[in-house]
Each structure stands twice: as C-alpha cells, then as structure tokens.
Amino acid sequence: MRKPRPVLALCALFVATSCAAPAAGHDSDPVTSAAPVIERRDASDADRSVVGFGTDFRFESGLVVTVSGPKIFRPSDSAYPRAGRAAAFGVVVYNETGQPYRLSSLSVSALASERPTKQVVDPTQGYTGIADADRDIPPGEIVRLQIAFVVPDQPSTVHLNVRPDTSTPTRAVYGGSV
C-alpha cells in the first residue's frame, strides 16, 4: 500500500499521541459514509496559520480533515489520566485520495496553554481514541472519530495537531479557546 504523498510544509508544534472524537451532531461511534466536503484550506497554508475549528483542511494527498470545536467535560472516575477537566473534539477524516487510507497513519495531538497535554481515555463517556486503527478508509468515504485531551481548569488556548502520516512533518493545526 502506498502512503499519501507528503507535503513540504514544516511546523514546530510537539506531536504527542494518536486518538480521535465525533463531530458535533454526529454519532460517537466511528461511522463510514460518503459525503462531499464543501470548504477547504490547502496544506500549503499549514505552516502559516492556525485553522479554525469546523474548517475542512485538504492535505496534498487529497485527504481532508475537519475538527469540531471543543466540548468541555469532567472525566469519569474510570478515565485515564485522572483529570478535573477535559475537552473533546470531533475529527472527521474524508478520503478524497485515489487509494485506501490506513487509519493507523493518522496522528492527533494537543497543546494546552502552549504545553503538550495528554489524551484522555474515558470509555465510560465514549472517548477511546482511534477505534479500528488497522482499518482502511476506501476512497470517497468518511470516518468520524472521538478524541479528548486534558485541559487546564482555567480558560486557556488549545491547539490540535493533525498529521495524516506520522513519518512526515506535514500537519494541520486547529486552535481556539477552552
């Protein structure tokens, strides 16, 4: 299987873990379906600015991602790591390439208040990371994922780094306040 072509855009934010979350208004289980993507940002913009939550980002390979705005929640007692506050995000991956995309190639990490933060795994609330990571997304199909990260108790800025291939520095950076 060929991997998506890398984009030459280089960025400096730290990439820590892989995982994911449903877009607002979508089921929490990973779902595959076909749907068009309307607005886009090109990967050539990746090193110049932060993409707003809810904006589609097209990588040079044709893979398109969208990250929904944060949903603040209190992790359950069964969550790891233990935290008083977390933010959940919906990540939608749309394969507009001409070949299957291996979901395990996707990496999502976060910075909160400019510091790396940990992914929250909270099965009680449905935050389990990337389910079916060994699965391929056929061309023209969508997968919706859940992801959550620890965030500070006080209002702060959060940046999510989405990389379509962990072996390259290519990424989209989504940002906002939590």
N, C-alpha and C. Protein backbone atom coordinates (compact mmCIF):
# COMPACT_ATOMS: atom_id res chain seq x y z
N MET A 1 0.84 -1.19 0.00
CA MET A 1 0.00 0.00 0.00
C MET A 1 0.88 1.24 0.00
N ARG A 2 0.62 2.15 -0.90
CA ARG A 2 1.36 3.41 -0.93
C ARG A 2 0.79 4.34 0.10
N LYS A 3 1.67 5.12 0.73
CA LYS A 3 1.22 6.13 1.69
C LYS A 3 0.92 7.42 0.95
N PRO A 4 0.08 8.31 1.54
CA PRO A 4 -0.20 9.59 0.89
C PRO A 4 1.09 10.37 0.67
N ARG A 5 1.16 11.13 -0.42
CA ARG A 5 2.34 11.95 -0.68
C ARG A 5 2.51 12.98 0.41
N PRO A 6 3.74 13.19 0.89
CA PRO A 6 3.96 14.17 1.94
C PRO A 6 3.92 15.60 1.40
N VAL A 7 3.55 16.52 2.22
CA VAL A 7 3.54 17.95 1.90
C VAL A 7 4.80 18.53 2.50
N LEU A 8 5.41 19.52 1.85
CA LEU A 8 6.68 20.07 2.30
C LEU A 8 6.56 21.08 3.43
N ALA A 9 5.34 21.41 3.84
CA ALA A 9 5.16 22.39 4.91
C ALA A 9 5.75 21.85 6.21
N LEU A 10 6.64 22.61 6.85
CA LEU A 10 7.24 22.19 8.12
C LEU A 10 6.67 23.02 9.24
N CYS A 11 6.41 22.41 10.40
CA CYS A 11 5.83 23.12 11.54
C CYS A 11 6.59 22.75 12.81
N ALA A 12 6.42 23.53 13.91
CA ALA A 12 7.23 23.35 15.10
C ALA A 12 6.50 22.87 16.35
N LEU A 13 5.18 22.62 16.29
CA LEU A 13 4.47 22.18 17.49
C LEU A 13 4.73 20.72 17.79
N PHE A 14 4.74 20.34 19.04
CA PHE A 14 5.03 18.99 19.53
C PHE A 14 3.87 18.04 19.24
N VAL A 15 4.21 16.84 18.75
CA VAL A 15 3.19 15.84 18.49
C VAL A 15 3.36 14.73 19.52
N ALA A 16 2.31 14.46 20.29
CA ALA A 16 2.44 13.56 21.43
C ALA A 16 1.73 12.22 21.28
N THR A 17 0.45 12.18 20.93
CA THR A 17 -0.30 10.92 20.94
C THR A 17 -1.21 10.81 19.74
N SER A 18 -1.78 9.65 19.54
CA SER A 18 -2.77 9.43 18.49
C SER A 18 -4.10 9.08 19.12
N CYS A 19 -5.17 9.58 18.57
CA CYS A 19 -6.53 9.29 19.03
C CYS A 19 -7.53 10.11 18.26
N ALA A 20 -8.88 10.12 18.69
CA ALA A 20 -9.87 10.90 17.98
C ALA A 20 -11.28 11.02 18.58
N ALA A 21 -12.40 11.94 18.01
CA ALA A 21 -13.74 12.23 18.58
C ALA A 21 -14.80 12.65 17.57
N PRO A 22 -16.14 12.48 17.84
CA PRO A 22 -17.14 12.74 16.81
C PRO A 22 -17.42 14.21 16.61
N ALA A 23 -17.69 14.59 15.40
CA ALA A 23 -18.06 15.97 15.12
C ALA A 23 -19.41 16.26 15.77
N ALA A 24 -19.62 17.50 16.12
CA ALA A 24 -20.88 17.88 16.76
C ALA A 24 -22.04 17.41 15.91
N GLY A 25 -23.01 16.81 16.57
CA GLY A 25 -24.20 16.37 15.86
C GLY A 25 -24.06 15.02 15.19
N HIS A 26 -22.93 14.32 15.40
CA HIS A 26 -22.73 13.02 14.80
C HIS A 26 -22.67 11.96 15.89
N ASP A 27 -22.94 10.72 15.52
CA ASP A 27 -22.86 9.62 16.47
C ASP A 27 -21.44 9.49 16.99
N SER A 28 -21.30 8.94 18.20
CA SER A 28 -20.00 8.81 18.80
C SER A 28 -19.22 7.62 18.27
N ASP A 29 -19.87 6.65 17.64
CA ASP A 29 -19.18 5.50 17.09
C ASP A 29 -18.58 5.87 15.75
N PRO A 30 -17.39 5.28 15.43
CA PRO A 30 -16.84 5.55 14.10
C PRO A 30 -17.86 5.08 13.05
N VAL A 31 -18.07 5.92 12.06
CA VAL A 31 -19.04 5.62 11.01
C VAL A 31 -18.40 5.92 9.68
N THR A 32 -18.63 5.09 8.71
CA THR A 32 -18.12 5.33 7.37
C THR A 32 -19.30 5.66 6.47
N SER A 33 -19.15 6.75 5.70
CA SER A 33 -20.18 7.13 4.74
C SER A 33 -19.56 8.03 3.69
N ALA A 34 -20.23 8.20 2.59
CA ALA A 34 -19.74 9.09 1.55
C ALA A 34 -20.45 10.43 1.70
N ALA A 35 -19.71 11.53 1.55
CA ALA A 35 -20.29 12.86 1.63
C ALA A 35 -19.32 13.86 1.03
N PRO A 36 -19.82 14.90 0.40
CA PRO A 36 -18.93 15.90 -0.17
C PRO A 36 -18.37 16.83 0.90
N VAL A 37 -17.20 17.37 0.63
CA VAL A 37 -16.58 18.36 1.51
C VAL A 37 -16.73 19.70 0.82
N ILE A 38 -17.18 20.71 1.55
CA ILE A 38 -17.52 21.98 0.92
C ILE A 38 -16.39 23.01 1.01
N GLU A 39 -16.03 23.46 2.21
CA GLU A 39 -14.97 24.46 2.28
C GLU A 39 -13.65 23.81 2.65
N ARG A 40 -12.54 24.36 2.14
CA ARG A 40 -11.25 23.72 2.33
C ARG A 40 -10.15 24.76 2.53
N ARG A 41 -9.10 24.31 3.21
CA ARG A 41 -7.83 25.03 3.27
C ARG A 41 -6.80 24.10 2.71
N ASP A 42 -5.85 24.60 1.96
CA ASP A 42 -4.81 23.75 1.40
C ASP A 42 -3.69 23.54 2.40
N ALA A 43 -3.03 22.39 2.28
CA ALA A 43 -1.92 22.06 3.17
C ALA A 43 -0.78 23.05 3.06
N SER A 44 -0.64 23.74 1.94
CA SER A 44 0.43 24.73 1.80
C SER A 44 0.29 25.86 2.80
N ASP A 45 -0.90 26.02 3.40
CA ASP A 45 -1.12 27.04 4.42
C ASP A 45 -0.76 26.56 5.82
N ALA A 46 -0.40 25.28 5.98
CA ALA A 46 -0.23 24.67 7.30
C ALA A 46 0.80 25.37 8.16
N ASP A 47 1.87 25.87 7.56
CA ASP A 47 2.90 26.47 8.39
C ASP A 47 2.67 27.97 8.58
N ARG A 48 1.61 28.53 8.06
CA ARG A 48 1.37 29.96 8.14
C ARG A 48 0.33 30.36 9.17
N SER A 49 -0.60 29.48 9.51
CA SER A 49 -1.67 29.89 10.40
C SER A 49 -2.35 28.70 11.06
N VAL A 50 -3.17 29.03 12.02
CA VAL A 50 -3.98 28.04 12.70
C VAL A 50 -5.33 28.00 12.01
N VAL A 51 -5.83 26.79 11.79
CA VAL A 51 -7.12 26.59 11.14
C VAL A 51 -8.20 26.67 12.21
N GLY A 52 -9.28 27.36 11.91
CA GLY A 52 -10.38 27.45 12.85
C GLY A 52 -11.14 26.14 12.96
N PHE A 53 -11.62 25.82 14.16
CA PHE A 53 -12.42 24.62 14.35
C PHE A 53 -13.60 24.65 13.39
N GLY A 54 -13.93 23.50 12.83
CA GLY A 54 -15.04 23.39 11.90
C GLY A 54 -14.66 23.61 10.45
N THR A 55 -13.40 23.98 10.19
CA THR A 55 -12.92 24.22 8.82
C THR A 55 -12.32 22.95 8.26
N ASP A 56 -12.65 22.63 7.01
CA ASP A 56 -12.04 21.49 6.33
C ASP A 56 -10.62 21.85 5.94
N PHE A 57 -9.71 20.90 6.07
CA PHE A 57 -8.31 21.08 5.69
C PHE A 57 -7.93 19.97 4.73
N ARG A 58 -7.50 20.36 3.53
CA ARG A 58 -7.13 19.37 2.50
C ARG A 58 -5.61 19.24 2.45
N PHE A 59 -5.14 18.01 2.65
CA PHE A 59 -3.72 17.72 2.50
C PHE A 59 -3.43 17.48 1.03
N GLU A 60 -2.17 17.64 0.64
CA GLU A 60 -1.78 17.47 -0.76
C GLU A 60 -2.18 16.10 -1.31
N SER A 61 -2.21 15.10 -0.46
CA SER A 61 -2.57 13.74 -0.87
C SER A 61 -4.03 13.62 -1.29
N GLY A 62 -4.87 14.58 -0.86
CA GLY A 62 -6.30 14.51 -1.11
C GLY A 62 -7.09 14.15 0.13
N LEU A 63 -6.41 13.79 1.21
CA LEU A 63 -7.09 13.51 2.47
C LEU A 63 -7.59 14.82 3.05
N VAL A 64 -8.84 14.83 3.53
CA VAL A 64 -9.45 16.03 4.09
C VAL A 64 -9.84 15.74 5.54
N VAL A 65 -9.50 16.65 6.45
CA VAL A 65 -9.89 16.50 7.85
C VAL A 65 -10.64 17.74 8.31
N THR A 66 -11.52 17.54 9.28
CA THR A 66 -12.23 18.62 9.94
C THR A 66 -12.23 18.30 11.42
N VAL A 67 -11.96 19.31 12.26
CA VAL A 67 -12.01 19.13 13.71
C VAL A 67 -13.07 20.08 14.25
N SER A 68 -14.02 19.53 15.00
CA SER A 68 -15.08 20.35 15.58
C SER A 68 -14.55 21.11 16.79
N GLY A 69 -15.29 22.13 17.19
CA GLY A 69 -14.93 22.90 18.37
C GLY A 69 -14.98 22.05 19.63
N PRO A 70 -14.28 22.51 20.67
CA PRO A 70 -14.19 21.72 21.90
C PRO A 70 -15.50 21.62 22.67
N LYS A 71 -15.69 20.47 23.29
CA LYS A 71 -16.80 20.24 24.21
C LYS A 71 -16.15 19.93 25.56
N ILE A 72 -16.30 20.82 26.51
CA ILE A 72 -15.68 20.65 27.83
C ILE A 72 -16.48 19.64 28.65
N PHE A 73 -15.78 18.75 29.35
CA PHE A 73 -16.45 17.78 30.21
C PHE A 73 -15.55 17.41 31.38
N ARG A 74 -16.16 16.81 32.37
CA ARG A 74 -15.42 16.30 33.53
C ARG A 74 -15.23 14.80 33.33
N PRO A 75 -13.96 14.33 33.25
CA PRO A 75 -13.73 12.91 33.06
C PRO A 75 -14.29 12.08 34.22
N SER A 76 -14.74 10.88 33.90
CA SER A 76 -15.29 9.98 34.91
C SER A 76 -14.17 9.42 35.79
N ASP A 77 -14.56 8.71 36.84
CA ASP A 77 -13.59 8.10 37.74
C ASP A 77 -12.77 7.01 37.06
N SER A 78 -13.28 6.45 35.96
CA SER A 78 -12.56 5.40 35.25
C SER A 78 -11.63 5.94 34.16
N ALA A 79 -11.57 7.26 34.00
CA ALA A 79 -10.75 7.87 32.94
C ALA A 79 -9.27 7.78 33.27
N TYR A 80 -8.46 7.75 32.21
CA TYR A 80 -7.01 7.84 32.36
C TYR A 80 -6.50 8.85 31.36
N PRO A 81 -5.64 9.78 31.79
CA PRO A 81 -5.23 10.00 33.18
C PRO A 81 -6.34 10.68 33.97
N ARG A 82 -6.20 10.67 35.27
CA ARG A 82 -7.16 11.37 36.13
C ARG A 82 -7.01 12.87 35.86
N ALA A 83 -8.13 13.54 35.69
CA ALA A 83 -8.10 14.97 35.40
C ALA A 83 -9.40 15.59 35.85
N GLY A 84 -9.35 16.86 36.19
CA GLY A 84 -10.55 17.58 36.61
C GLY A 84 -11.33 18.15 35.44
N ARG A 85 -10.65 18.32 34.29
CA ARG A 85 -11.29 18.97 33.14
C ARG A 85 -10.67 18.45 31.86
N ALA A 86 -11.51 18.23 30.87
CA ALA A 86 -11.02 17.77 29.58
C ALA A 86 -11.85 18.41 28.47
N ALA A 87 -11.31 18.39 27.27
CA ALA A 87 -12.01 18.90 26.09
C ALA A 87 -12.08 17.79 25.06
N ALA A 88 -13.27 17.57 24.52
CA ALA A 88 -13.48 16.55 23.49
C ALA A 88 -13.64 17.23 22.13
N PHE A 89 -13.17 16.57 21.09
CA PHE A 89 -13.22 17.10 19.74
C PHE A 89 -13.71 16.02 18.79
N GLY A 90 -14.46 16.44 17.80
CA GLY A 90 -14.84 15.53 16.72
C GLY A 90 -13.83 15.66 15.60
N VAL A 91 -13.31 14.55 15.12
CA VAL A 91 -12.38 14.55 14.00
C VAL A 91 -13.03 13.75 12.88
N VAL A 92 -13.21 14.40 11.74
CA VAL A 92 -13.79 13.75 10.57
C VAL A 92 -12.69 13.63 9.53
N VAL A 93 -12.50 12.42 9.03
CA VAL A 93 -11.49 12.15 8.01
C VAL A 93 -12.22 11.72 6.75
N TYR A 94 -12.01 12.46 5.65
CA TYR A 94 -12.64 12.17 4.37
C TYR A 94 -11.55 11.81 3.38
N ASN A 95 -11.61 10.62 2.84
CA ASN A 95 -10.59 10.14 1.91
C ASN A 95 -10.96 10.52 0.48
N GLU A 96 -10.39 11.61 0.00
CA GLU A 96 -10.56 12.03 -1.40
C GLU A 96 -9.35 11.64 -2.23
N THR A 97 -8.51 10.72 -1.71
CA THR A 97 -7.38 10.23 -2.49
C THR A 97 -7.89 9.14 -3.44
N GLY A 98 -7.03 8.66 -4.28
CA GLY A 98 -7.40 7.60 -5.20
C GLY A 98 -7.14 6.21 -4.66
N GLN A 99 -6.73 6.11 -3.40
CA GLN A 99 -6.39 4.81 -2.81
C GLN A 99 -6.88 4.73 -1.37
N PRO A 100 -6.97 3.53 -0.79
CA PRO A 100 -7.38 3.41 0.60
C PRO A 100 -6.41 4.14 1.53
N TYR A 101 -6.94 4.72 2.60
CA TYR A 101 -6.11 5.41 3.60
C TYR A 101 -6.13 4.58 4.88
N ARG A 102 -4.96 4.23 5.39
CA ARG A 102 -4.84 3.44 6.61
C ARG A 102 -5.01 4.37 7.81
N LEU A 103 -6.06 4.13 8.59
CA LEU A 103 -6.40 4.98 9.73
C LEU A 103 -5.28 5.04 10.77
N SER A 104 -4.48 3.98 10.89
CA SER A 104 -3.38 4.00 11.86
C SER A 104 -2.29 5.00 11.49
N SER A 105 -2.31 5.54 10.29
CA SER A 105 -1.35 6.57 9.88
C SER A 105 -1.68 7.92 10.49
N LEU A 106 -2.92 8.10 10.95
CA LEU A 106 -3.39 9.37 11.49
C LEU A 106 -2.84 9.60 12.90
N SER A 107 -2.37 10.82 13.15
CA SER A 107 -1.90 11.21 14.48
C SER A 107 -2.58 12.51 14.87
N VAL A 108 -3.14 12.55 16.08
CA VAL A 108 -3.75 13.76 16.61
C VAL A 108 -3.15 14.00 17.99
N SER A 109 -2.60 15.19 18.20
CA SER A 109 -2.02 15.54 19.50
C SER A 109 -2.47 16.95 19.85
N ALA A 110 -2.20 17.36 21.10
CA ALA A 110 -2.70 18.67 21.54
C ALA A 110 -1.69 19.40 22.42
N LEU A 111 -1.81 20.72 22.37
CA LEU A 111 -1.12 21.63 23.27
C LEU A 111 -2.20 22.44 23.98
N ALA A 112 -2.08 22.56 25.29
CA ALA A 112 -2.99 23.42 26.06
C ALA A 112 -2.13 24.44 26.77
N SER A 113 -2.43 25.71 26.58
CA SER A 113 -1.60 26.79 27.13
C SER A 113 -0.14 26.60 26.71
N GLU A 114 0.06 26.23 25.44
CA GLU A 114 1.37 26.06 24.82
C GLU A 114 2.20 24.93 25.40
N ARG A 115 1.57 23.99 26.11
CA ARG A 115 2.27 22.83 26.67
C ARG A 115 1.61 21.56 26.16
N PRO A 116 2.43 20.53 25.90
CA PRO A 116 1.83 19.25 25.48
C PRO A 116 0.86 18.76 26.56
N THR A 117 -0.24 18.18 26.12
CA THR A 117 -1.21 17.65 27.06
C THR A 117 -1.54 16.22 26.68
N LYS A 118 -2.05 15.48 27.63
CA LYS A 118 -2.32 14.06 27.42
C LYS A 118 -3.72 13.81 26.90
N GLN A 119 -3.79 12.75 26.10
CA GLN A 119 -5.09 12.28 25.63
C GLN A 119 -5.83 11.67 26.82
N VAL A 120 -7.13 11.91 26.89
CA VAL A 120 -7.97 11.30 27.91
C VAL A 120 -8.64 10.08 27.29
N VAL A 121 -8.48 8.94 27.95
CA VAL A 121 -9.20 7.73 27.57
C VAL A 121 -10.25 7.53 28.64
N ASP A 122 -11.50 7.68 28.25
CA ASP A 122 -12.62 7.58 29.18
C ASP A 122 -13.74 6.77 28.53
N PRO A 123 -13.60 5.42 28.57
CA PRO A 123 -14.59 4.56 27.91
C PRO A 123 -16.02 4.78 28.41
N THR A 124 -16.17 5.17 29.67
CA THR A 124 -17.50 5.42 30.23
C THR A 124 -18.23 6.50 29.44
N GLN A 125 -17.48 7.51 28.96
CA GLN A 125 -18.09 8.62 28.21
C GLN A 125 -17.86 8.50 26.70
N GLY A 126 -17.26 7.39 26.28
CA GLY A 126 -17.10 7.15 24.85
C GLY A 126 -15.82 7.66 24.23
N TYR A 127 -14.85 8.05 25.02
CA TYR A 127 -13.58 8.56 24.48
C TYR A 127 -12.53 7.46 24.58
N THR A 128 -12.37 6.74 23.46
CA THR A 128 -11.48 5.58 23.45
C THR A 128 -10.34 5.73 22.45
N GLY A 129 -10.21 6.87 21.81
CA GLY A 129 -9.16 7.06 20.82
C GLY A 129 -9.59 6.55 19.46
N ILE A 130 -8.62 6.19 18.64
CA ILE A 130 -8.93 5.72 17.29
C ILE A 130 -9.33 4.25 17.36
N ALA A 131 -10.58 3.99 17.10
CA ALA A 131 -11.07 2.61 17.04
C ALA A 131 -10.79 2.07 15.64
N ASP A 132 -10.54 0.80 15.54
CA ASP A 132 -10.29 0.16 14.24
C ASP A 132 -9.13 0.80 13.49
N ALA A 133 -8.03 1.09 14.20
CA ALA A 133 -6.89 1.76 13.59
C ALA A 133 -6.26 0.96 12.45
N ASP A 134 -6.45 -0.35 12.44
CA ASP A 134 -5.86 -1.17 11.39
C ASP A 134 -6.72 -1.22 10.13
N ARG A 135 -7.78 -0.47 10.12
CA ARG A 135 -8.73 -0.48 9.00
C ARG A 135 -8.36 0.56 7.94
N ASP A 136 -8.71 0.27 6.71
CA ASP A 136 -8.52 1.21 5.61
C ASP A 136 -9.81 1.97 5.37
N ILE A 137 -9.69 3.24 5.02
CA ILE A 137 -10.84 4.06 4.61
C ILE A 137 -10.81 4.06 3.08
N PRO A 138 -11.81 3.47 2.43
CA PRO A 138 -11.84 3.46 0.97
C PRO A 138 -11.95 4.88 0.40
N PRO A 139 -11.46 5.09 -0.83
CA PRO A 139 -11.61 6.41 -1.46
C PRO A 139 -13.08 6.84 -1.49
N GLY A 140 -13.32 8.12 -1.18
CA GLY A 140 -14.66 8.67 -1.21
C GLY A 140 -15.46 8.45 0.05
N GLU A 141 -14.88 7.86 1.09
CA GLU A 141 -15.63 7.60 2.31
C GLU A 141 -15.11 8.42 3.50
N ILE A 142 -15.96 8.51 4.53
CA ILE A 142 -15.70 9.32 5.73
C ILE A 142 -15.66 8.43 6.97
N VAL A 143 -14.78 8.80 7.91
CA VAL A 143 -14.77 8.18 9.23
C VAL A 143 -14.82 9.30 10.25
N ARG A 144 -15.67 9.12 11.26
CA ARG A 144 -15.80 10.09 12.36
C ARG A 144 -15.20 9.46 13.61
N LEU A 145 -14.35 10.22 14.29
CA LEU A 145 -13.64 9.73 15.46
C LEU A 145 -13.87 10.61 16.67
N GLN A 146 -13.57 10.08 17.84
CA GLN A 146 -13.65 10.83 19.09
C GLN A 146 -12.26 11.00 19.66
N ILE A 147 -12.01 12.17 20.23
CA ILE A 147 -10.73 12.40 20.90
C ILE A 147 -10.96 13.38 22.04
N ALA A 148 -10.23 13.20 23.11
CA ALA A 148 -10.33 14.11 24.25
C ALA A 148 -8.94 14.31 24.84
N PHE A 149 -8.72 15.52 25.36
CA PHE A 149 -7.44 15.86 25.97
C PHE A 149 -7.66 16.58 27.29
N VAL A 150 -6.71 16.41 28.20
CA VAL A 150 -6.72 17.15 29.47
C VAL A 150 -6.51 18.62 29.15
N VAL A 151 -7.29 19.50 29.78
CA VAL A 151 -7.09 20.94 29.65
C VAL A 151 -7.05 21.56 31.05
N PRO A 152 -6.39 22.72 31.19
CA PRO A 152 -6.31 23.37 32.50
C PRO A 152 -7.70 23.75 33.02
N ASP A 153 -7.81 23.90 34.34
CA ASP A 153 -9.06 24.30 34.97
C ASP A 153 -9.47 25.71 34.57
N GLN A 154 -8.51 26.58 34.33
CA GLN A 154 -8.80 27.96 33.93
C GLN A 154 -8.87 28.06 32.40
N PRO A 155 -9.57 29.05 31.88
CA PRO A 155 -9.64 29.22 30.42
C PRO A 155 -8.24 29.28 29.81
N SER A 156 -8.08 28.64 28.67
CA SER A 156 -6.77 28.59 28.02
C SER A 156 -6.94 28.40 26.52
N THR A 157 -5.82 28.44 25.82
CA THR A 157 -5.80 28.21 24.38
C THR A 157 -5.39 26.76 24.14
N VAL A 158 -6.03 26.13 23.17
CA VAL A 158 -5.69 24.76 22.81
C VAL A 158 -5.41 24.69 21.31
N HIS A 159 -4.39 23.90 20.94
CA HIS A 159 -4.06 23.65 19.54
C HIS A 159 -4.03 22.15 19.33
N LEU A 160 -4.75 21.67 18.32
CA LEU A 160 -4.72 20.27 17.94
C LEU A 160 -3.90 20.14 16.67
N ASN A 161 -2.94 19.22 16.69
CA ASN A 161 -2.11 18.93 15.53
C ASN A 161 -2.61 17.64 14.90
N VAL A 162 -2.99 17.71 13.63
CA VAL A 162 -3.49 16.54 12.92
C VAL A 162 -2.48 16.23 11.82
N ARG A 163 -1.91 15.02 11.89
CA ARG A 163 -0.94 14.59 10.88
C ARG A 163 -1.48 13.37 10.16
N PRO A 164 -1.53 13.41 8.83
CA PRO A 164 -2.05 12.27 8.06
C PRO A 164 -1.06 11.11 7.98
N ASP A 165 0.21 11.37 8.28
CA ASP A 165 1.24 10.34 8.19
C ASP A 165 2.29 10.65 9.25
N THR A 166 2.46 9.77 10.21
CA THR A 166 3.38 10.02 11.33
C THR A 166 4.84 10.05 10.90
N SER A 167 5.16 9.62 9.69
CA SER A 167 6.55 9.63 9.24
C SER A 167 6.95 10.94 8.57
N THR A 168 6.02 11.90 8.47
CA THR A 168 6.34 13.19 7.85
C THR A 168 5.91 14.33 8.78
N PRO A 169 6.48 15.52 8.60
CA PRO A 169 6.09 16.67 9.44
C PRO A 169 4.82 17.37 8.99
N THR A 170 4.21 16.93 7.89
CA THR A 170 3.00 17.55 7.36
C THR A 170 1.88 17.50 8.39
N ARG A 171 1.18 18.65 8.58
CA ARG A 171 0.09 18.66 9.55
C ARG A 171 -0.83 19.85 9.35
N ALA A 172 -1.98 19.74 9.97
CA ALA A 172 -2.92 20.86 10.09
C ALA A 172 -2.97 21.18 11.57
N VAL A 173 -3.03 22.47 11.90
CA VAL A 173 -3.12 22.89 13.30
C VAL A 173 -4.43 23.63 13.49
N TYR A 174 -5.29 23.04 14.33
CA TYR A 174 -6.56 23.66 14.69
C TYR A 174 -6.40 24.32 16.04
N GLY A 175 -7.00 25.50 16.23
CA GLY A 175 -6.83 26.18 17.51
C GLY A 175 -8.03 26.98 17.94
N GLY A 176 -8.07 27.23 19.26
CA GLY A 176 -9.13 28.03 19.83
C GLY A 176 -9.03 28.05 21.34
N SER A 177 -10.05 28.57 21.98
CA SER A 177 -10.07 28.69 23.44
C SER A 177 -10.96 27.63 24.06
N VAL A 178 -10.57 27.21 25.27
CA VAL A 178 -11.37 26.26 26.04
C VAL A 178 -11.56 26.79 27.45
